Amino acid sequence: MEKIIFFGNGPLAEHAIKVLEKHFEIIFHAKTKDDIEFAKKMKATHPSAHGVLASFGIIVKSDILELFEPEGILNIHPSLLPKYRGASPIETAILNGDTNFSVSIMKLVKAMDAGPLYYQETFENLPLNKEAIYETLATAGAKWIAKNLKNLPEPKPQDDTKATFTTKFDKSLSLLKPEEYTAEELFRQVVAYAGYPKSKYEFYGKECIILEAEAADDASLLSIKCKDGKFLQIKSIQPAGKKPMDAKSFLNGYAK
């Protein structure tokens, strides 16, 4: 069985490794910067081991890249490169109103997400559920690697002139601003920021994390009126320091 040294953390990595471990022997899973030195030792001990990366979030330096030449480390990136290079491709696509989501397999290079491409696939009209999007793209990328790792095609260079870039999110994005955004835009923020930095809004003097919502023409039991006159209907919510609950339960406890 072919051996793999895997680099990655977060949902993309978690879904990818579930597929890869069915087809390969994962001899080491590097999750942090501190794991890199041991990954080097494992490669030295197992020189034929392949390298696969998915959402590692840590710069892999030249000395590591050189260990895996000429094949290189295969990077599963959740966008149609060169579009959406960087830290938040899925989330940025959601915020931008995309309905199609893509995965690329490239050879890792020093420049961020700029390596030559082995494979790309696009999925049309996926439901706006971030976890499901991560799973779909990671699974597709990992299945392609499982099928093609022993006989990789020649990778094709990206067109750097068409590159667009994404950034890391921070907590300053959490607070929903209905006076600035449409209901659809707020809904996409709730989806994109799920997990981190989490969308928040204050109801009845209580700051709450919005867990599930939808854009609608009309108000509901618990809703936010947006700048387009439409509403973000709240389905489930988590008040600060409390457990998640549906809108009706929240109103029973706080709307007094």
Protein backbone atom coordinates (compact mmCIF):
# COMPACT_ATOMS: atom_id res chain seq x y z
CA MET A 1 0.00 0.00 0.00
CA GLU A 2 1.29 3.46 -0.93
CA LYS A 3 2.32 5.64 2.01
CA ILE A 4 1.28 9.27 2.57
CA ILE A 5 2.49 12.04 4.81
CA PHE A 6 -0.53 14.29 5.23
CA PHE A 7 -0.47 18.00 6.10
CA GLY A 8 -3.69 19.67 7.18
CA ASN A 9 -6.19 20.73 9.79
CA GLY A 10 -9.79 21.90 9.85
CA PRO A 11 -12.84 20.58 7.99
CA LEU A 12 -11.26 20.26 4.54
CA ALA A 13 -8.45 18.13 5.96
CA GLU A 14 -10.81 16.07 8.09
CA HIS A 15 -13.01 15.13 5.15
CA ALA A 16 -10.06 14.50 2.82
CA ILE A 17 -8.22 12.17 5.18
CA LYS A 18 -11.35 10.05 5.68
CA VAL A 19 -11.15 9.16 2.01
CA LEU A 20 -7.38 8.90 1.74
CA GLU A 21 -6.98 6.51 4.67
CA LYS A 22 -9.19 3.99 2.85
CA HIS A 23 -6.68 3.82 -0.01
CA PHE A 24 -3.30 4.65 1.51
CA GLU A 25 -1.30 4.18 4.67
CA ILE A 26 -1.15 7.56 6.41
CA ILE A 27 2.20 7.29 8.15
CA PHE A 28 2.02 10.76 9.67
CA HIS A 29 -0.53 13.55 9.91
CA ALA A 30 1.10 16.96 10.44
CA LYS A 31 -1.41 19.35 11.99
CA THR A 32 0.76 22.13 13.41
CA LYS A 33 4.02 23.97 12.73
CA ASP A 34 5.69 21.85 15.40
CA ASP A 35 4.86 18.70 13.40
CA ILE A 36 6.90 19.74 10.37
CA GLU A 37 10.26 18.55 11.70
CA PHE A 38 8.86 15.10 12.42
CA ALA A 39 7.34 15.02 8.94
CA LYS A 40 10.86 15.57 7.57
CA LYS A 41 12.12 12.62 9.62
CA MET A 42 9.28 10.42 8.38
CA LYS A 43 10.08 11.31 4.78
CA ALA A 44 13.72 10.43 5.37
CA THR A 45 12.68 7.07 6.83
CA HIS A 46 10.12 6.44 4.06
CA PRO A 47 11.60 8.12 0.96
CA SER A 48 8.86 6.80 -1.33
CA ALA A 49 6.08 8.35 0.77
CA HIS A 50 3.89 10.84 -1.05
CA GLY A 51 2.91 14.24 0.34
CA VAL A 52 -0.68 15.48 0.40
CA LEU A 53 -1.87 18.76 1.90
CA ALA A 54 -5.33 20.17 2.61
CA SER A 55 -5.88 23.46 4.44
CA PHE A 56 -2.67 23.38 6.46
CA GLY A 57 -2.58 27.12 7.13
CA ILE A 58 1.20 27.05 7.65
CA ILE A 59 3.89 27.99 5.16
CA VAL A 60 5.73 24.90 3.95
CA LYS A 61 9.30 26.00 3.30
CA SER A 62 11.56 25.05 0.42
CA ASP A 63 13.50 22.40 2.34
CA ILE A 64 10.28 20.42 2.83
CA LEU A 65 9.09 20.93 -0.74
CA GLU A 66 12.41 19.66 -2.09
CA LEU A 67 12.08 16.41 -0.17
CA PHE A 68 9.03 15.47 -2.25
CA GLU A 69 10.41 16.38 -5.67
CA PRO A 70 9.85 15.73 -8.52
CA GLU A 71 6.25 14.77 -7.79
CA GLY A 72 5.81 17.43 -5.13
CA ILE A 73 3.24 17.75 -2.39
CA LEU A 74 -0.29 17.58 -3.77
CA ASN A 75 -2.47 20.40 -2.41
CA ILE A 76 -6.26 20.06 -2.28
CA HIS A 77 -7.56 23.63 -2.62
CA PRO A 78 -11.31 24.39 -2.56
CA SER A 79 -11.64 26.81 -5.47
CA LEU A 80 -11.27 27.01 -9.23
CA LEU A 81 -7.71 28.30 -9.19
CA PRO A 82 -6.37 30.86 -9.90
CA LYS A 83 -9.60 32.30 -8.48
CA TYR A 84 -9.84 32.54 -4.69
CA ARG A 85 -6.28 31.85 -3.64
CA GLY A 86 -5.64 32.21 0.08
CA ALA A 87 -7.17 31.40 3.44
CA SER A 88 -10.95 31.57 2.91
CA PRO A 89 -11.91 30.41 -0.60
CA ILE A 90 -15.18 28.68 0.29
CA GLU A 91 -16.33 31.41 2.63
CA THR A 92 -15.45 34.17 0.15
CA ALA A 93 -17.32 32.36 -2.62
CA ILE A 94 -20.39 32.15 -0.37
CA LEU A 95 -20.18 35.85 0.49
CA ASN A 96 -19.79 36.77 -3.18
CA GLY A 97 -23.06 35.06 -4.08
CA ASP A 98 -21.56 32.06 -5.86
CA THR A 99 -23.76 29.03 -6.41
CA ASN A 100 -21.05 26.83 -7.96
CA PHE A 101 -18.08 25.60 -5.93
CA SER A 102 -14.86 24.01 -7.15
CA VAL A 103 -11.85 22.01 -6.06
CA SER A 104 -8.34 22.08 -7.52
CA ILE A 105 -5.42 19.72 -7.06
CA MET A 106 -2.10 21.50 -7.54
CA LYS A 107 1.55 20.96 -6.86
CA LEU A 108 2.54 22.96 -3.79
CA VAL A 109 5.07 25.74 -4.42
CA LYS A 110 6.49 28.57 -2.32
CA ALA A 111 4.10 31.18 -3.75
CA MET A 112 0.63 30.97 -2.18
CA ASP A 113 -1.67 28.63 -4.13
CA ALA A 114 0.24 29.34 -7.33
CA GLY A 115 1.45 25.86 -8.24
CA PRO A 116 0.68 24.03 -11.49
CA LEU A 117 -2.67 22.24 -11.65
CA TYR A 118 -3.24 18.51 -11.84
CA TYR A 119 -7.03 18.51 -11.73
CA GLN A 120 -10.11 20.72 -11.26
CA GLU A 121 -13.80 19.97 -10.83
CA THR A 122 -16.83 22.22 -10.33
CA PHE A 123 -20.08 21.35 -8.58
CA GLU A 124 -23.09 23.41 -9.62
CA ASN A 125 -25.86 24.73 -7.40
CA LEU A 126 -24.69 23.20 -4.15
CA PRO A 127 -26.89 23.92 -1.11
CA LEU A 128 -25.56 26.82 0.97
CA ASN A 129 -24.35 24.67 3.83
CA LYS A 130 -20.67 25.30 4.56
CA GLU A 131 -19.95 21.92 6.12
CA ALA A 132 -21.58 20.12 3.18
CA ILE A 133 -19.58 22.21 0.69
CA TYR A 134 -16.33 21.38 2.51
CA GLU A 135 -17.21 17.68 2.47
CA THR A 136 -18.16 17.65 -1.22
CA LEU A 137 -14.97 19.37 -2.37
CA ALA A 138 -12.59 17.51 -0.05
CA THR A 139 -14.10 14.16 -0.97
CA ALA A 140 -13.84 14.85 -4.69
CA GLY A 141 -10.23 15.96 -4.41
CA ALA A 142 -9.20 13.02 -2.25
CA LYS A 143 -10.94 10.52 -4.55
CA TRP A 144 -9.06 11.93 -7.52
CA ILE A 145 -5.77 11.53 -5.67
CA ALA A 146 -6.67 7.97 -4.70
CA LYS A 147 -7.32 7.13 -8.34
CA ASN A 148 -4.40 8.98 -9.94
CA LEU A 149 -1.53 9.18 -7.46
CA LYS A 150 0.37 6.26 -8.99
CA ASN A 151 0.21 7.78 -12.48
CA LEU A 152 -0.04 11.55 -12.21
CA PRO A 153 -0.56 13.60 -15.38
CA GLU A 154 1.71 16.50 -16.22
CA PRO A 155 0.49 19.54 -14.26
CA LYS A 156 -0.48 22.68 -16.17
CA PRO A 157 0.60 26.16 -15.07
CA GLN A 158 -1.93 28.63 -13.71
CA ASP A 159 -2.61 31.98 -15.35
CA ASP A 160 -1.38 34.32 -12.64
CA THR A 161 -2.93 37.34 -14.38
CA LYS A 162 -6.37 35.97 -13.48
CA ALA A 163 -5.58 35.33 -9.81
CA THR A 164 -7.87 36.67 -7.09
CA PHE A 165 -7.12 36.46 -3.38
CA THR A 166 -8.97 35.85 -0.13
CA THR A 167 -8.06 36.82 3.43
CA LYS A 168 -8.33 35.45 6.93
CA PHE A 169 -11.44 36.40 8.87
CA ASP A 170 -11.46 38.01 12.30
CA LYS A 171 -14.00 38.72 15.02
CA SER A 172 -14.68 42.23 13.73
CA LEU A 173 -16.90 40.58 11.09
CA SER A 174 -19.21 38.92 13.60
CA LEU A 175 -21.80 41.63 14.21
CA LEU A 176 -24.61 41.60 11.66
CA LYS A 177 -25.43 45.01 10.18
CA PRO A 178 -28.92 44.82 8.63
CA GLU A 179 -28.90 48.52 7.80
CA GLU A 180 -25.99 47.91 5.40
CA TYR A 181 -26.89 44.57 3.81
CA THR A 182 -29.81 42.83 2.10
CA ALA A 183 -31.48 39.80 3.66
CA GLU A 184 -29.73 37.51 1.17
CA GLU A 185 -26.35 39.04 1.98
CA LEU A 186 -26.91 38.62 5.73
CA PHE A 187 -27.98 35.02 5.18
CA ARG A 188 -24.75 34.36 3.30
CA GLN A 189 -22.77 35.92 6.14
CA VAL A 190 -24.43 33.55 8.61
CA VAL A 191 -23.46 30.61 6.39
CA ALA A 192 -19.92 31.82 5.65
CA TYR A 193 -19.08 32.75 9.23
CA ALA A 194 -20.44 29.55 10.78
CA GLY A 195 -17.83 28.12 13.15
CA TYR A 196 -15.70 31.28 12.94
CA PRO A 197 -16.03 34.19 13.44
CA LYS A 198 -19.76 33.43 13.98
CA SER A 199 -22.56 35.87 13.14
CA LYS A 200 -23.95 37.74 16.14
CA TYR A 201 -26.90 40.04 16.86
CA GLU A 202 -28.51 41.43 19.97
CA PHE A 203 -32.11 40.48 20.79
CA TYR A 204 -33.86 41.75 23.91
CA GLY A 205 -30.55 42.98 25.31
CA LYS A 206 -28.88 39.59 24.87
CA GLU A 207 -26.02 39.04 22.41
CA CYS A 208 -26.68 35.87 20.43
CA ILE A 209 -24.92 33.72 17.86
CA ILE A 210 -27.13 33.12 14.82
CA LEU A 211 -26.84 29.40 14.06
CA GLU A 212 -29.44 28.97 11.33
CA ALA A 213 -31.41 31.49 9.34
CA GLU A 214 -32.93 32.17 5.94
CA ALA A 215 -33.78 35.20 3.80
CA ALA A 216 -37.48 35.83 3.29
CA ASP A 217 -39.95 38.48 2.15
CA ASP A 218 -41.86 38.40 5.42
CA ALA A 219 -41.05 38.53 9.13
CA SER A 220 -41.20 35.44 11.32
CA LEU A 221 -41.37 34.84 15.07
CA LEU A 222 -37.80 36.11 15.33
CA SER A 223 -36.39 38.08 12.43
CA ILE A 224 -34.22 41.02 11.41
CA LYS A 225 -35.41 43.61 8.88
CA CYS A 226 -32.70 44.38 6.33
CA LYS A 227 -31.89 47.34 4.10
CA ASP A 228 -33.90 45.92 1.17
CA GLY A 229 -37.05 45.68 3.29
CA LYS A 230 -36.82 41.91 3.43
CA PHE A 231 -36.10 39.82 6.52
CA LEU A 232 -33.51 37.44 7.90
CA GLN A 233 -35.67 34.84 9.62
CA ILE A 234 -33.92 33.27 12.60
CA LYS A 235 -34.38 29.51 12.92
CA SER A 236 -31.91 28.66 15.70
CA ILE A 237 -29.84 30.79 18.02
CA GLN A 238 -27.41 30.61 20.93
CA PRO A 239 -27.58 33.33 23.59
CA ALA A 240 -24.24 34.17 25.22
CA GLY A 241 -23.42 31.58 27.85
CA LYS A 242 -26.39 29.38 26.95
CA LYS A 243 -27.10 26.32 24.86
CA PRO A 244 -28.43 26.51 21.29
CA MET A 245 -32.21 26.75 20.95
CA ASP A 246 -34.84 27.36 18.32
CA ALA A 247 -36.44 30.77 17.87
CA LYS A 248 -39.63 29.89 19.73
CA SER A 249 -37.73 28.64 22.78
CA PHE A 250 -35.62 31.80 22.80
CA LEU A 251 -38.68 34.02 22.69
CA ASN A 252 -40.32 32.05 25.51
CA GLY A 253 -37.27 32.70 27.67
CA TYR A 254 -36.28 36.24 26.75
CA ALA A 255 -39.18 38.14 25.15
CA LYS A 256 -40.71 39.50 28.34
